[in-house]
Structures are given as structure tokens and as C-alpha cells.
Amino acid sequence: MTLQSFYQQGKNDKKEYEKMIEGLVANENEKQWNAREVQWRREDQARVNLLKNVYQNREADIELKKKLKDEATWLQKNDKSMIDAEVTR
């Protein structure tokens, strides 16, 4: 083996090594990116679930307020009719 071929072999080995390192880095980057995407999807789903929960609770609160208001209105009408009945006696 001549000195020139030795250096050429060393040069080729270095290129192969750098190519292997680039491949490993690319694979690791892809794994990290995929992990981030999975996390983002989970966070998006959590936001959607939270908003659904908020809307459901808000709807329940509105229904409760409406029911209480209707009940108060009914009590007022009932009290008025009872007072009118007492006055007419």
C-alpha cells in the first residue's frame, strides 16, 4: 500500500464516517420531531376537551339560571294570586 492510497483510504473512511454521523443525526432529528408532533396533538386534544367541558358547564349554568328565574316568576305570580284571593274574600 502506497502512502497516496493510504491517505485516499483515510479520506474515504472519513467521508463514510461523516455520512454515517449525518444519517444518525437525521434519524434523531426525525424522532424528536415526531415526538413533538405527538405532544402537540395531545395538547390540541386537551384544549378541545377543555373547551367542550367549559361549554357544557356554561350551558348547565345557563339552564340553571333560567330554571331559577322561571321558578321566581312562578312564585311571584302565585303569591300575587294568593294575595288577590285574600283581598277578594
N, C-alpha and C. Protein backbone atom coordinates (compact mmCIF):
# COMPACT_ATOMS: atom_id res chain seq x y z
N MET A 1 0.86 -1.18 0.00
CA MET A 1 0.00 0.00 0.00
C MET A 1 0.90 1.22 0.00
N THR A 2 0.62 2.11 -0.92
CA THR A 2 1.43 3.30 -1.03
C THR A 2 0.88 4.36 -0.10
N LEU A 3 1.68 5.34 0.14
CA LEU A 3 1.28 6.45 1.01
C LEU A 3 0.07 7.17 0.45
N GLN A 4 0.06 7.32 -0.85
CA GLN A 4 -1.07 8.00 -1.50
C GLN A 4 -2.36 7.21 -1.33
N SER A 5 -2.31 5.92 -1.51
CA SER A 5 -3.51 5.10 -1.35
C SER A 5 -3.94 5.06 0.12
N PHE A 6 -2.96 5.11 1.04
CA PHE A 6 -3.27 5.14 2.47
C PHE A 6 -4.06 6.41 2.81
N TYR A 7 -3.60 7.55 2.31
CA TYR A 7 -4.31 8.81 2.55
C TYR A 7 -5.68 8.81 1.89
N GLN A 8 -5.73 8.22 0.69
CA GLN A 8 -7.02 8.12 -0.02
C GLN A 8 -7.99 7.26 0.80
N GLN A 9 -7.51 6.15 1.32
CA GLN A 9 -8.35 5.27 2.14
C GLN A 9 -8.81 6.01 3.40
N GLY A 10 -7.92 6.77 4.03
CA GLY A 10 -8.27 7.56 5.21
C GLY A 10 -9.32 8.60 4.88
N LYS A 11 -9.19 9.22 3.73
CA LYS A 11 -10.14 10.23 3.26
C LYS A 11 -11.52 9.59 3.04
N ASN A 12 -11.51 8.43 2.40
CA ASN A 12 -12.77 7.72 2.15
C ASN A 12 -13.42 7.27 3.46
N ASP A 13 -12.60 6.80 4.39
CA ASP A 13 -13.12 6.39 5.70
C ASP A 13 -13.76 7.57 6.43
N LYS A 14 -13.10 8.72 6.33
CA LYS A 14 -13.63 9.92 6.99
C LYS A 14 -14.98 10.32 6.37
N LYS A 15 -15.09 10.25 5.04
CA LYS A 15 -16.35 10.56 4.36
C LYS A 15 -17.45 9.61 4.79
N GLU A 16 -17.11 8.31 4.86
CA GLU A 16 -18.09 7.31 5.30
C GLU A 16 -18.56 7.60 6.73
N TYR A 17 -17.61 7.94 7.59
CA TYR A 17 -17.92 8.23 8.99
C TYR A 17 -18.84 9.46 9.09
N GLU A 18 -18.50 10.52 8.35
CA GLU A 18 -19.32 11.73 8.36
C GLU A 18 -20.72 11.44 7.81
N LYS A 19 -20.79 10.60 6.78
CA LYS A 19 -22.08 10.23 6.21
C LYS A 19 -22.91 9.46 7.23
N MET A 20 -22.25 8.55 7.96
CA MET A 20 -22.94 7.79 9.00
C MET A 20 -23.45 8.73 10.12
N ILE A 21 -22.60 9.66 10.52
CA ILE A 21 -22.98 10.62 11.57
C ILE A 21 -24.17 11.47 11.09
N GLU A 22 -24.13 11.94 9.86
CA GLU A 22 -25.24 12.72 9.32
C GLU A 22 -26.54 11.91 9.32
N GLY A 23 -26.43 10.64 8.95
CA GLY A 23 -27.61 9.77 8.97
C GLY A 23 -28.16 9.60 10.38
N LEU A 24 -27.26 9.39 11.36
CA LEU A 24 -27.70 9.24 12.75
C LEU A 24 -28.35 10.53 13.26
N VAL A 25 -27.76 11.66 12.91
CA VAL A 25 -28.32 12.95 13.33
C VAL A 25 -29.69 13.15 12.69
N ALA A 26 -29.81 12.81 11.42
CA ALA A 26 -31.10 12.96 10.73
C ALA A 26 -32.15 12.06 11.37
N ASN A 27 -31.78 10.83 11.72
CA ASN A 27 -32.73 9.92 12.38
C ASN A 27 -33.15 10.47 13.74
N GLU A 28 -32.19 10.97 14.49
CA GLU A 28 -32.50 11.52 15.81
C GLU A 28 -33.40 12.75 15.69
N ASN A 29 -33.11 13.61 14.71
CA ASN A 29 -33.95 14.79 14.48
C ASN A 29 -35.38 14.38 14.12
N GLU A 30 -35.50 13.36 13.29
CA GLU A 30 -36.82 12.89 12.90
C GLU A 30 -37.58 12.32 14.11
N LYS A 31 -36.89 11.56 14.95
CA LYS A 31 -37.53 11.02 16.16
C LYS A 31 -38.00 12.14 17.08
N GLN A 32 -37.14 13.15 17.26
CA GLN A 32 -37.53 14.27 18.12
C GLN A 32 -38.70 15.04 17.52
N TRP A 33 -38.69 15.24 16.21
CA TRP A 33 -39.78 15.95 15.56
C TRP A 33 -41.09 15.18 15.71
N ASN A 34 -41.04 13.87 15.51
CA ASN A 34 -42.23 13.05 15.66
C ASN A 34 -42.75 13.09 17.09
N ALA A 35 -41.83 13.07 18.06
CA ALA A 35 -42.24 13.17 19.47
C ALA A 35 -42.92 14.51 19.74
N ARG A 36 -42.38 15.58 19.16
CA ARG A 36 -43.01 16.90 19.33
C ARG A 36 -44.40 16.93 18.72
N GLU A 37 -44.53 16.35 17.51
CA GLU A 37 -45.84 16.33 16.86
C GLU A 37 -46.86 15.56 17.69
N VAL A 38 -46.43 14.44 18.27
CA VAL A 38 -47.33 13.68 19.13
C VAL A 38 -47.74 14.52 20.33
N GLN A 39 -46.79 15.22 20.93
CA GLN A 39 -47.09 16.09 22.08
C GLN A 39 -48.05 17.20 21.67
N TRP A 40 -47.81 17.81 20.51
CA TRP A 40 -48.69 18.88 20.03
C TRP A 40 -50.12 18.37 19.82
N ARG A 41 -50.23 17.15 19.25
CA ARG A 41 -51.57 16.58 19.04
C ARG A 41 -52.26 16.35 20.38
N ARG A 42 -51.50 15.85 21.36
CA ARG A 42 -52.09 15.64 22.69
C ARG A 42 -52.54 16.95 23.31
N GLU A 43 -51.71 17.99 23.16
CA GLU A 43 -52.07 19.30 23.70
C GLU A 43 -53.30 19.87 23.00
N ASP A 44 -53.36 19.71 21.67
CA ASP A 44 -54.53 20.18 20.92
C ASP A 44 -55.79 19.46 21.39
N GLN A 45 -55.70 18.15 21.57
CA GLN A 45 -56.86 17.38 22.02
C GLN A 45 -57.27 17.80 23.42
N ALA A 46 -56.28 18.08 24.27
CA ALA A 46 -56.59 18.53 25.63
C ALA A 46 -57.30 19.88 25.58
N ARG A 47 -56.86 20.78 24.69
CA ARG A 47 -57.54 22.08 24.55
C ARG A 47 -58.98 21.90 24.08
N VAL A 48 -59.18 21.02 23.11
CA VAL A 48 -60.52 20.76 22.60
C VAL A 48 -61.41 20.21 23.72
N ASN A 49 -60.87 19.24 24.47
CA ASN A 49 -61.65 18.66 25.57
C ASN A 49 -61.97 19.71 26.64
N LEU A 50 -61.01 20.58 26.92
CA LEU A 50 -61.24 21.63 27.91
C LEU A 50 -62.33 22.59 27.44
N LEU A 51 -62.27 22.97 26.18
CA LEU A 51 -63.31 23.87 25.64
C LEU A 51 -64.68 23.21 25.67
N LYS A 52 -64.74 21.92 25.32
CA LYS A 52 -66.02 21.21 25.39
C LYS A 52 -66.55 21.22 26.81
N ASN A 53 -65.66 20.98 27.77
CA ASN A 53 -66.05 20.98 29.16
C ASN A 53 -66.56 22.35 29.59
N VAL A 54 -65.87 23.40 29.17
CA VAL A 54 -66.28 24.77 29.51
C VAL A 54 -67.65 25.06 28.93
N TYR A 55 -67.87 24.70 27.65
CA TYR A 55 -69.16 24.95 27.03
C TYR A 55 -70.29 24.16 27.70
N GLN A 56 -70.00 22.91 28.08
CA GLN A 56 -71.02 22.11 28.76
C GLN A 56 -71.37 22.72 30.12
N ASN A 57 -70.34 23.15 30.85
CA ASN A 57 -70.60 23.77 32.15
C ASN A 57 -71.35 25.09 31.99
N ARG A 58 -71.00 25.84 30.98
CA ARG A 58 -71.69 27.12 30.73
C ARG A 58 -73.15 26.86 30.38
N GLU A 59 -73.39 25.85 29.56
CA GLU A 59 -74.76 25.51 29.19
C GLU A 59 -75.56 25.09 30.43
N ALA A 60 -74.95 24.31 31.30
CA ALA A 60 -75.63 23.88 32.53
C ALA A 60 -75.93 25.09 33.43
N ASP A 61 -74.98 26.02 33.51
CA ASP A 61 -75.21 27.23 34.31
C ASP A 61 -76.36 28.06 33.75
N ILE A 62 -76.41 28.19 32.43
CA ILE A 62 -77.49 28.96 31.80
C ILE A 62 -78.83 28.29 32.07
N GLU A 63 -78.88 26.97 31.93
CA GLU A 63 -80.13 26.24 32.19
C GLU A 63 -80.57 26.42 33.64
N LEU A 64 -79.62 26.36 34.57
CA LEU A 64 -79.94 26.52 35.98
C LEU A 64 -80.48 27.93 36.26
N LYS A 65 -79.83 28.95 35.69
CA LYS A 65 -80.30 30.32 35.88
C LYS A 65 -81.70 30.50 35.30
N LYS A 66 -81.96 29.91 34.14
CA LYS A 66 -83.28 30.01 33.52
C LYS A 66 -84.32 29.33 34.41
N LYS A 67 -83.98 28.17 34.94
CA LYS A 67 -84.89 27.44 35.80
C LYS A 67 -85.19 28.25 37.07
N LEU A 68 -84.15 28.83 37.66
CA LEU A 68 -84.35 29.64 38.86
C LEU A 68 -85.19 30.88 38.58
N LYS A 69 -84.96 31.49 37.42
CA LYS A 69 -85.74 32.67 37.04
C LYS A 69 -87.20 32.29 36.83
N ASP A 70 -87.45 31.18 36.13
CA ASP A 70 -88.82 30.72 35.91
C ASP A 70 -89.51 30.40 37.24
N GLU A 71 -88.75 29.80 38.14
CA GLU A 71 -89.30 29.47 39.46
C GLU A 71 -89.66 30.74 40.23
N ALA A 72 -88.79 31.75 40.17
CA ALA A 72 -89.05 33.01 40.85
C ALA A 72 -90.28 33.68 40.25
N THR A 73 -90.40 33.66 38.94
CA THR A 73 -91.55 34.26 38.27
C THR A 73 -92.83 33.52 38.70
N TRP A 74 -92.78 32.22 38.73
CA TRP A 74 -93.95 31.43 39.14
C TRP A 74 -94.33 31.76 40.59
N LEU A 75 -93.33 31.87 41.47
CA LEU A 75 -93.61 32.21 42.87
C LEU A 75 -94.26 33.59 42.99
N GLN A 76 -93.77 34.54 42.22
CA GLN A 76 -94.36 35.88 42.26
C GLN A 76 -95.81 35.84 41.80
N LYS A 77 -96.08 35.14 40.70
CA LYS A 77 -97.46 35.04 40.20
C LYS A 77 -98.35 34.32 41.21
N ASN A 78 -97.82 33.26 41.79
CA ASN A 78 -98.59 32.50 42.77
C ASN A 78 -98.87 33.36 44.01
N ASP A 79 -97.85 34.07 44.49
CA ASP A 79 -98.05 34.96 45.64
C ASP A 79 -99.09 36.03 45.31
N LYS A 80 -99.02 36.59 44.12
CA LYS A 80 -99.96 37.65 43.72
C LYS A 80 -101.38 37.09 43.67
N SER A 81 -101.52 35.91 43.09
CA SER A 81 -102.87 35.34 43.01
C SER A 81 -103.39 34.99 44.41
N MET A 82 -102.53 34.56 45.31
CA MET A 82 -102.95 34.27 46.68
C MET A 82 -103.36 35.55 47.41
N ILE A 83 -102.59 36.62 47.19
CA ILE A 83 -102.93 37.90 47.82
C ILE A 83 -104.24 38.42 47.26
N ASP A 84 -104.43 38.32 45.94
CA ASP A 84 -105.69 38.77 45.33
C ASP A 84 -106.86 37.95 45.85
N ALA A 85 -106.66 36.66 46.05
CA ALA A 85 -107.71 35.81 46.58
C ALA A 85 -108.05 36.23 48.02
N GLU A 86 -107.05 36.58 48.80
CA GLU A 86 -107.29 37.02 50.18
C GLU A 86 -108.02 38.35 50.20
N VAL A 87 -107.68 39.24 49.30
CA VAL A 87 -108.31 40.57 49.27
C VAL A 87 -109.78 40.45 48.86
N THR A 88 -110.09 39.55 47.94
CA THR A 88 -111.45 39.45 47.46
C THR A 88 -112.35 38.72 48.45
N ARG A 89 -111.86 38.09 49.45
CA ARG A 89 -112.70 37.42 50.46
C ARG A 89 -113.46 38.35 51.27
